[in-house]
């Protein structure tokens, strides 16, 4: 019990950091002309500074308990990959028209279920699951569908009867095109949310495995996470932006907000690692993080 209580403050840090991620990345993307790759790049740069450069300097100058292992390194890269792909899923959902007001609650509602399933799979505990457990999963799924179905819609303040009448007289081809665009955007929103739920739901268990394989080291798993972000969230966006013919509308506010979002993500990752260090387990820490 004492170990659990010691882990709570660090879980609280992650709650605050990750809870701020959606609104800040939304503001960042809006300031970058809705370019998801530019926003993703800024997130990756923030991770590179906080989760790669700082741990490297600290390990070089002061050292740390624990040691490098091949398995720990691989699991750490896996955790970082989950984190980066989850971040891309959030950005994709928001850039496709999804609002943080319902995207983030759905993500944080579904991720604990995935976290529990992954923890059970890694611990080979499915044989101990009860009917109540599976009923709980079904209820969470129904709640997620309910949130998405009843998501808040932005009111059209300028709409009047004439505008409505004009809208109703659009030709069938234009209407079909609009419906196709909306269906495509909806598919991207749902796909982005599902990607994030799966990846972020797996994140805690995979990161905990990395830390255990490196004898409880804190900075080495964080460094592995940062390296994965550098590969996925820095190099890939740079390649796509350079090869794309569309120019990015870079702005100070967009870059700043996106970097703040990435910083929130990296600080949250460190909070999770510290929670594990002080005795918290993924099955306890991650539901608190996502529930907060």
Protein backbone atom coordinates (compact mmCIF):
# COMPACT_ATOMS: atom_id res chain seq x y z
CA UNK A 1 0.00 0.00 0.00
CA UNK A 2 2.84 2.40 0.84
CA UNK A 3 4.44 1.79 -2.57
CA UNK A 4 1.14 2.52 -4.27
CA UNK A 5 0.77 5.79 -2.39
CA UNK A 6 4.31 6.80 -3.36
CA UNK A 7 3.49 6.27 -7.03
CA UNK A 8 0.38 8.48 -6.98
CA UNK A 9 2.08 11.92 -7.19
CA UNK A 10 3.93 10.90 -10.34
CA UNK A 11 0.75 9.48 -11.85
CA UNK A 12 -0.78 12.88 -11.05
CA UNK A 13 1.97 14.58 -13.06
CA UNK A 14 1.06 12.42 -16.04
CA UNK A 15 -2.64 13.18 -15.59
CA UNK A 16 -1.94 16.91 -15.78
CA UNK A 17 0.51 16.59 -18.68
CA UNK A 18 -1.46 14.19 -20.85
CA UNK A 19 -4.73 15.88 -19.99
CA UNK A 20 -3.33 19.05 -21.57
CA UNK A 21 -2.14 17.26 -24.70
CA UNK A 22 -5.35 17.36 -26.76
CA UNK A 23 -6.15 21.08 -26.43
CA UNK A 24 -2.52 22.13 -26.97
CA UNK A 25 -1.97 20.00 -30.06
CA UNK A 26 -5.31 21.25 -31.42
CA UNK A 27 -4.14 24.84 -30.98
CA UNK A 28 -0.76 24.00 -32.50
CA UNK A 29 -2.23 22.33 -35.55
CA UNK A 30 -4.64 25.22 -36.11
CA UNK A 31 -1.69 27.62 -36.01
CA UNK A 32 0.13 25.54 -38.62
CA UNK A 33 -2.62 25.67 -41.21
CA UNK A 34 -4.07 22.30 -40.10
CA UNK A 35 -0.89 20.50 -41.18
CA UNK A 36 -0.82 17.32 -39.12
CA UNK A 37 2.72 16.48 -40.22
CA UNK A 38 4.08 19.86 -39.14
CA UNK A 39 2.39 19.50 -35.75
CA UNK A 40 3.66 15.92 -35.45
CA UNK A 41 7.18 17.10 -36.26
CA UNK A 42 7.09 19.68 -33.48
CA UNK A 43 5.87 17.02 -31.04
CA UNK A 44 8.78 14.81 -32.08
CA UNK A 45 11.29 17.63 -31.62
CA UNK A 46 10.03 18.24 -28.08
CA UNK A 47 10.41 14.55 -27.29
CA UNK A 48 13.91 14.55 -28.78
CA UNK A 49 15.00 17.35 -26.45
CA UNK A 50 13.31 16.06 -23.28
CA UNK A 51 13.55 12.30 -23.79
CA UNK A 52 16.85 11.97 -25.68
CA UNK A 53 19.22 14.89 -25.14
CA UNK A 54 18.50 15.44 -21.42
CA UNK A 55 18.73 11.72 -20.48
CA UNK A 56 21.94 11.35 -22.50
CA UNK A 57 23.55 14.31 -20.74
CA UNK A 58 22.39 13.07 -17.33
CA UNK A 59 23.60 9.50 -17.91
CA UNK A 60 26.94 10.75 -19.20
CA UNK A 61 27.56 13.18 -16.34
CA UNK A 62 25.92 11.54 -13.31
CA UNK A 63 25.00 8.01 -14.29
CA UNK A 64 22.05 6.05 -12.92
CA UNK A 65 21.22 2.70 -11.38
CA UNK A 66 20.28 -0.08 -13.76
CA UNK A 67 21.98 -1.09 -16.98
CA UNK A 68 21.40 -1.44 -20.69
CA UNK A 69 20.03 -4.72 -22.02
CA UNK A 70 19.01 -5.77 -25.50
CA UNK A 71 15.52 -6.80 -24.42
CA UNK A 72 15.03 -3.61 -22.43
CA UNK A 73 16.10 -1.53 -25.42
CA UNK A 74 13.70 -3.35 -27.75
CA UNK A 75 10.78 -3.06 -25.32
CA UNK A 76 11.60 0.63 -24.83
CA UNK A 77 11.54 1.24 -28.58
CA UNK A 78 8.25 -0.63 -28.68
CA UNK A 79 6.81 1.66 -26.00
CA UNK A 80 8.01 4.73 -27.88
CA UNK A 81 6.50 3.40 -31.09
CA UNK A 82 3.17 2.95 -29.31
CA UNK A 83 3.40 6.48 -27.97
CA UNK A 84 4.32 8.06 -31.30
CA UNK A 85 1.66 6.22 -33.30
CA UNK A 86 -0.89 7.14 -30.64
CA UNK A 87 0.10 10.79 -30.95
CA UNK A 88 -0.26 10.55 -34.73
CA UNK A 89 -3.72 9.05 -34.25
CA UNK A 90 -4.80 11.99 -32.08
CA UNK A 91 -3.45 14.50 -34.60
CA UNK A 92 -5.14 12.66 -37.47
CA UNK A 93 -8.50 12.60 -35.69
CA UNK A 94 -8.33 16.30 -34.82
CA UNK A 95 -7.03 17.40 -38.24
CA UNK A 96 -9.92 15.51 -39.87
CA UNK A 97 -12.47 17.57 -37.96
CA UNK A 98 -12.64 15.80 -34.63
CA UNK A 99 -12.86 17.97 -31.53
CA UNK A 100 -10.71 17.38 -28.43
CA UNK A 101 -13.94 17.70 -26.42
CA UNK A 102 -14.96 14.19 -27.48
CA UNK A 103 -11.82 12.69 -29.04
CA UNK A 104 -9.83 12.72 -25.80
CA UNK A 105 -12.63 11.33 -23.56
CA UNK A 106 -13.12 8.44 -25.99
CA UNK A 107 -9.38 7.75 -26.05
CA UNK A 108 -9.02 7.93 -22.29
CA UNK A 109 -12.13 5.79 -21.89
CA UNK A 110 -11.01 3.02 -24.23
CA UNK A 111 -7.28 2.94 -23.47
CA UNK A 112 -7.67 1.50 -19.91
CA UNK A 113 -9.55 -1.47 -21.36
CA UNK A 114 -6.74 -2.13 -23.83
CA UNK A 115 -4.20 -1.64 -21.03
CA UNK A 116 -5.98 -4.25 -18.92
CA UNK A 117 -6.17 -6.72 -21.82
CA UNK A 118 -2.50 -6.25 -22.69
CA UNK A 119 -1.48 -6.63 -19.04
CA UNK A 120 -3.54 -9.81 -18.79
CA UNK A 121 -2.01 -11.15 -21.99
CA UNK A 122 1.54 -10.42 -20.87
CA UNK A 123 0.85 -11.90 -17.44
CA UNK A 124 -1.15 -14.85 -18.85
CA UNK A 125 -4.13 -14.01 -16.66
CA UNK A 126 -7.04 -14.51 -19.06
CA UNK A 127 -7.98 -17.72 -17.31
CA UNK A 128 -8.80 -15.72 -14.18
CA UNK A 129 -11.17 -13.29 -15.91
CA UNK A 130 -14.78 -13.38 -14.72
CA UNK A 131 -18.03 -12.74 -16.55
CA UNK A 132 -18.26 -9.41 -14.73
CA UNK A 133 -14.95 -8.38 -16.28
CA UNK A 134 -16.18 -9.02 -19.81
CA UNK A 135 -19.47 -7.31 -19.02
CA UNK A 136 -17.48 -4.26 -17.92
CA UNK A 137 -15.63 -4.23 -21.24
CA UNK A 138 -18.94 -4.34 -23.12
CA UNK A 139 -20.31 -1.45 -21.06
CA UNK A 140 -17.19 0.63 -21.72
CA UNK A 141 -17.56 -0.07 -25.43
CA UNK A 142 -21.21 1.00 -25.38
CA UNK A 143 -20.28 4.14 -23.48
CA UNK A 144 -17.64 4.99 -26.08
CA UNK A 145 -20.17 4.58 -28.89
CA UNK A 146 -22.62 6.76 -26.96
CA UNK A 147 -20.06 9.54 -26.53
CA UNK A 148 -19.21 9.52 -30.23
CA UNK A 149 -22.84 9.35 -31.37
CA UNK A 150 -23.86 12.23 -29.11
CA UNK A 151 -20.73 14.32 -29.66
CA UNK A 152 -21.30 18.09 -29.57
CA UNK A 153 -21.73 19.75 -32.93
CA UNK A 154 -20.69 23.29 -33.70
CA UNK A 155 -23.78 25.43 -34.27
CA UNK A 156 -24.00 27.37 -37.51
CA UNK A 157 -24.67 30.84 -36.13
CA UNK A 158 -25.04 32.39 -39.55
CA UNK A 159 -27.60 29.98 -40.87
CA UNK A 160 -31.03 31.40 -41.82
CA UNK A 161 -33.98 30.19 -43.83
CA UNK A 162 -32.62 31.48 -47.10
CA UNK A 163 -29.29 29.77 -46.54
CA UNK A 164 -31.03 26.53 -45.65
CA UNK A 165 -33.18 26.73 -48.77
CA UNK A 166 -30.14 27.41 -50.93
CA UNK A 167 -28.34 24.50 -49.37
CA UNK A 168 -31.24 22.17 -50.12
CA UNK A 169 -31.14 23.06 -53.82
CA UNK A 170 -27.58 21.89 -54.38
CA UNK A 171 -27.28 19.45 -57.26
CA UNK A 172 -26.94 15.74 -56.59
CA UNK A 173 -23.33 15.52 -57.72
CA UNK A 174 -22.17 18.17 -55.28
CA UNK A 175 -24.21 16.58 -52.52
CA UNK A 176 -22.67 13.18 -53.20
CA UNK A 177 -19.21 14.71 -53.18
CA UNK A 178 -19.89 16.40 -49.86
CA UNK A 179 -21.22 13.16 -48.38
CA UNK A 180 -18.15 11.31 -49.62
CA UNK A 181 -15.87 13.92 -48.06
CA UNK A 182 -17.75 13.73 -44.77
CA UNK A 183 -17.61 9.94 -44.81
CA UNK A 184 -13.88 10.06 -45.48
CA UNK A 185 -13.32 12.54 -42.67
CA UNK A 186 -15.43 10.44 -40.31
CA UNK A 187 -13.39 7.38 -41.23
CA UNK A 188 -10.16 9.25 -40.47
CA UNK A 189 -11.54 10.42 -37.11
CA UNK A 190 -12.62 6.92 -36.11
CA UNK A 191 -9.39 5.40 -37.43
CA UNK A 192 -7.24 7.93 -35.58
CA UNK A 193 -9.13 7.35 -32.33
CA UNK A 194 -8.86 3.55 -32.65
CA UNK A 195 -5.14 3.77 -33.40
CA UNK A 196 -4.56 5.89 -30.31
CA UNK A 197 -6.69 3.68 -28.06
CA UNK A 198 -4.77 0.58 -29.14
CA UNK A 199 -1.32 2.18 -28.96
CA UNK A 200 -1.69 4.24 -25.80
CA UNK A 201 -3.54 1.37 -24.15
CA UNK A 202 -0.48 -0.84 -24.77
CA UNK A 203 2.02 1.86 -23.80
CA UNK A 204 2.15 1.40 -20.02
CA UNK A 205 2.63 -2.37 -20.01
CA UNK A 206 5.31 -2.26 -22.71
CA UNK A 207 7.16 0.58 -20.96
CA UNK A 208 7.00 -1.27 -17.63
CA UNK A 209 8.52 -4.32 -19.32
CA UNK A 210 11.37 -2.20 -20.66
CA UNK A 211 12.10 -0.74 -17.25
CA UNK A 212 12.05 -4.18 -15.63
CA UNK A 213 14.46 -5.53 -18.26
CA UNK A 214 16.89 -2.68 -17.50
CA UNK A 215 16.96 -3.31 -13.73
CA UNK A 216 14.63 -0.47 -12.82
CA UNK A 217 16.44 2.24 -14.78
CA UNK A 218 14.37 5.37 -15.29
CA UNK A 219 16.25 7.34 -17.92
CA UNK A 220 17.20 4.46 -20.21
CA UNK A 221 13.58 3.50 -21.01
CA UNK A 222 12.75 7.19 -21.47
CA UNK A 223 15.69 7.51 -23.85
CA UNK A 224 14.41 4.54 -25.87
CA UNK A 225 10.98 6.17 -26.06
CA UNK A 226 12.62 9.39 -27.28
CA UNK A 227 14.60 7.54 -29.96
CA UNK A 228 11.43 5.92 -31.29
CA UNK A 229 9.76 9.34 -31.39
CA UNK A 230 12.76 10.74 -33.27
CA UNK A 231 12.46 8.05 -35.93
CA UNK A 232 8.67 8.21 -36.29
CA UNK A 233 7.79 11.79 -35.34
CA UNK A 234 10.81 13.67 -36.69
CA UNK A 235 12.41 11.85 -39.63
CA UNK A 236 9.15 10.63 -41.20
CA UNK A 237 7.37 14.04 -41.07
CA UNK A 238 10.48 15.79 -42.44
CA UNK A 239 10.53 13.39 -45.40
CA UNK A 240 6.80 13.81 -46.04
CA UNK A 241 6.89 17.61 -45.75
CA UNK A 242 9.90 17.90 -48.08
CA UNK A 243 8.45 15.53 -50.67
CA UNK A 244 4.99 17.12 -50.54
CA UNK A 245 4.13 19.97 -52.88
CA UNK A 246 1.96 21.64 -50.25
CA UNK A 247 3.65 24.39 -48.28
CA UNK A 248 3.29 24.44 -44.51
CA UNK A 249 1.93 27.66 -43.01
CA UNK A 250 4.57 27.89 -40.30
CA UNK A 251 3.77 30.28 -37.47
CA UNK A 252 5.29 31.04 -34.08
CA UNK A 253 2.09 30.24 -32.23
CA UNK A 254 1.57 26.96 -34.10
CA UNK A 255 5.12 25.77 -33.45
CA UNK A 256 4.98 26.89 -29.81
CA UNK A 257 1.71 25.13 -29.02
CA UNK A 258 2.81 21.96 -30.80
CA UNK A 259 6.10 21.90 -28.90
CA UNK A 260 4.17 22.44 -25.66
CA UNK A 261 2.00 19.45 -26.59
CA UNK A 262 5.10 17.33 -27.21
CA UNK A 263 6.58 18.50 -23.91
CA UNK A 264 3.37 17.46 -22.14
CA UNK A 265 3.68 14.03 -23.72
CA UNK A 266 7.33 13.59 -22.73
CA UNK A 267 6.80 14.80 -19.16
CA UNK A 268 3.83 12.45 -18.90
CA UNK A 269 6.01 9.55 -20.03
CA UNK A 270 8.55 10.38 -17.33
CA UNK A 271 5.75 10.54 -14.77
CA UNK A 272 4.67 7.01 -15.69
CA UNK A 273 8.23 5.71 -15.41
CA UNK A 274 8.62 7.29 -11.97
CA UNK A 275 5.28 5.80 -10.90
CA UNK A 276 6.59 2.37 -11.86
CA UNK A 277 9.87 3.09 -10.06
CA UNK A 278 8.05 3.73 -6.78
CA UNK A 279 6.02 0.55 -6.91
CA UNK A 280 3.07 1.30 -9.17
CA UNK A 281 2.05 -1.31 -11.72
CA UNK A 282 0.47 -0.72 -15.15
CA UNK A 283 -2.82 -2.27 -14.01
CA UNK A 284 -3.02 0.39 -11.28
CA UNK A 285 -1.20 3.42 -12.71
CA UNK A 286 -2.63 3.55 -16.23
CA UNK A 287 -6.35 3.52 -15.29
CA UNK A 288 -5.63 6.43 -12.91
CA UNK A 289 -3.80 8.29 -15.68
CA UNK A 290 -6.51 7.76 -18.29
CA UNK A 291 -9.31 8.27 -15.79
CA UNK A 292 -7.91 11.61 -14.66
